[in-house]
Amino acid sequence: MTESAPSVQELIKSISDKLAANRELIAKAKSGRLDWRWDKKLERWISKYTPNFRLHQTIH
C-alpha cells in the first residue's frame, strides 16, 4: 500500500463521519428501511478510493 492511499482506519472514520452527519439515514438503517441503492453508492465510493478494500478486510 502506498503512502498516498487512505488507510482503512481513515476510510472508516470518513464513512462514520458522513453517517453521523445524517441522522435520518442512520434511523432508516436501524429500522431496516435503508435504500439498497445507497448501499451500492457507498460500495462504489469505497471501491473508487480503495481498490483493495476487500483484500484489506480479508487480511485483517
Protein backbone atom coordinates (compact mmCIF):
# COMPACT_ATOMS: atom_id res chain seq x y z
CA MET A 1 0.00 0.00 0.00
CA THR A 2 1.40 3.38 -0.98
CA GLU A 3 1.70 6.32 1.39
CA SER A 4 -0.85 8.34 -0.61
CA ALA A 5 -3.59 5.74 -0.26
CA PRO A 6 -6.00 6.33 2.63
CA SER A 7 -5.67 3.82 5.43
CA VAL A 8 -8.61 1.59 6.25
CA GLN A 9 -8.93 3.41 9.59
CA GLU A 10 -9.11 6.79 7.82
CA LEU A 11 -11.68 5.41 5.38
CA ILE A 12 -13.82 4.01 8.20
CA LYS A 13 -13.60 7.32 10.11
CA SER A 14 -14.57 9.24 6.98
CA ILE A 15 -17.58 6.99 6.40
CA SER A 16 -18.53 7.19 10.08
CA ASP A 17 -18.36 11.00 9.92
CA LYS A 18 -20.60 11.02 6.84
CA LEU A 19 -23.10 8.72 8.56
CA ALA A 20 -23.05 10.69 11.79
CA ALA A 21 -23.85 13.85 9.83
CA ASN A 22 -27.06 12.28 8.53
CA ARG A 23 -29.18 11.12 11.47
CA GLU A 24 -32.18 10.40 9.27
CA LEU A 25 -30.12 7.91 7.28
CA ILE A 26 -28.99 6.22 10.50
CA ALA A 27 -32.60 5.97 11.69
CA LYS A 28 -33.62 4.35 8.40
CA ALA A 29 -30.72 1.90 8.60
CA LYS A 30 -31.65 0.90 12.16
CA SER A 31 -35.26 0.30 11.14
CA GLY A 32 -34.17 -1.76 8.15
CA ARG A 33 -35.54 0.71 5.59
CA LEU A 34 -32.19 1.82 4.18
CA ASP A 35 -32.40 2.14 0.41
CA TRP A 36 -30.27 -0.58 -1.21
CA ARG A 37 -29.23 1.95 -3.85
CA TRP A 38 -27.50 3.99 -1.15
CA ASP A 39 -25.62 0.82 -0.17
CA LYS A 40 -24.45 0.46 -3.77
CA LYS A 41 -23.29 4.08 -3.84
CA LEU A 42 -21.26 3.55 -0.67
CA GLU A 43 -19.80 0.35 -2.10
CA ARG A 44 -18.76 2.17 -5.28
CA TRP A 45 -17.28 5.01 -3.22
CA ILE A 46 -15.21 2.54 -1.20
CA SER A 47 -14.08 0.76 -4.37
CA LYS A 48 -13.14 4.04 -6.04
CA TYR A 49 -10.88 5.22 -3.22
CA THR A 50 -9.55 1.86 -2.06
CA PRO A 51 -9.44 -0.69 -4.88
CA ASN A 52 -8.04 -3.29 -2.46
CA PHE A 53 -10.60 -2.64 0.28
CA ARG A 54 -11.97 -6.18 0.22
CA LEU A 55 -8.44 -7.53 0.25
CA HIS A 56 -7.67 -5.45 3.35
CA GLN A 57 -10.83 -6.75 5.02
CA THR A 58 -9.76 -10.31 4.25
CA ILE A 59 -6.26 -9.79 5.65
CA HIS A 60 -7.35 -8.20 8.94
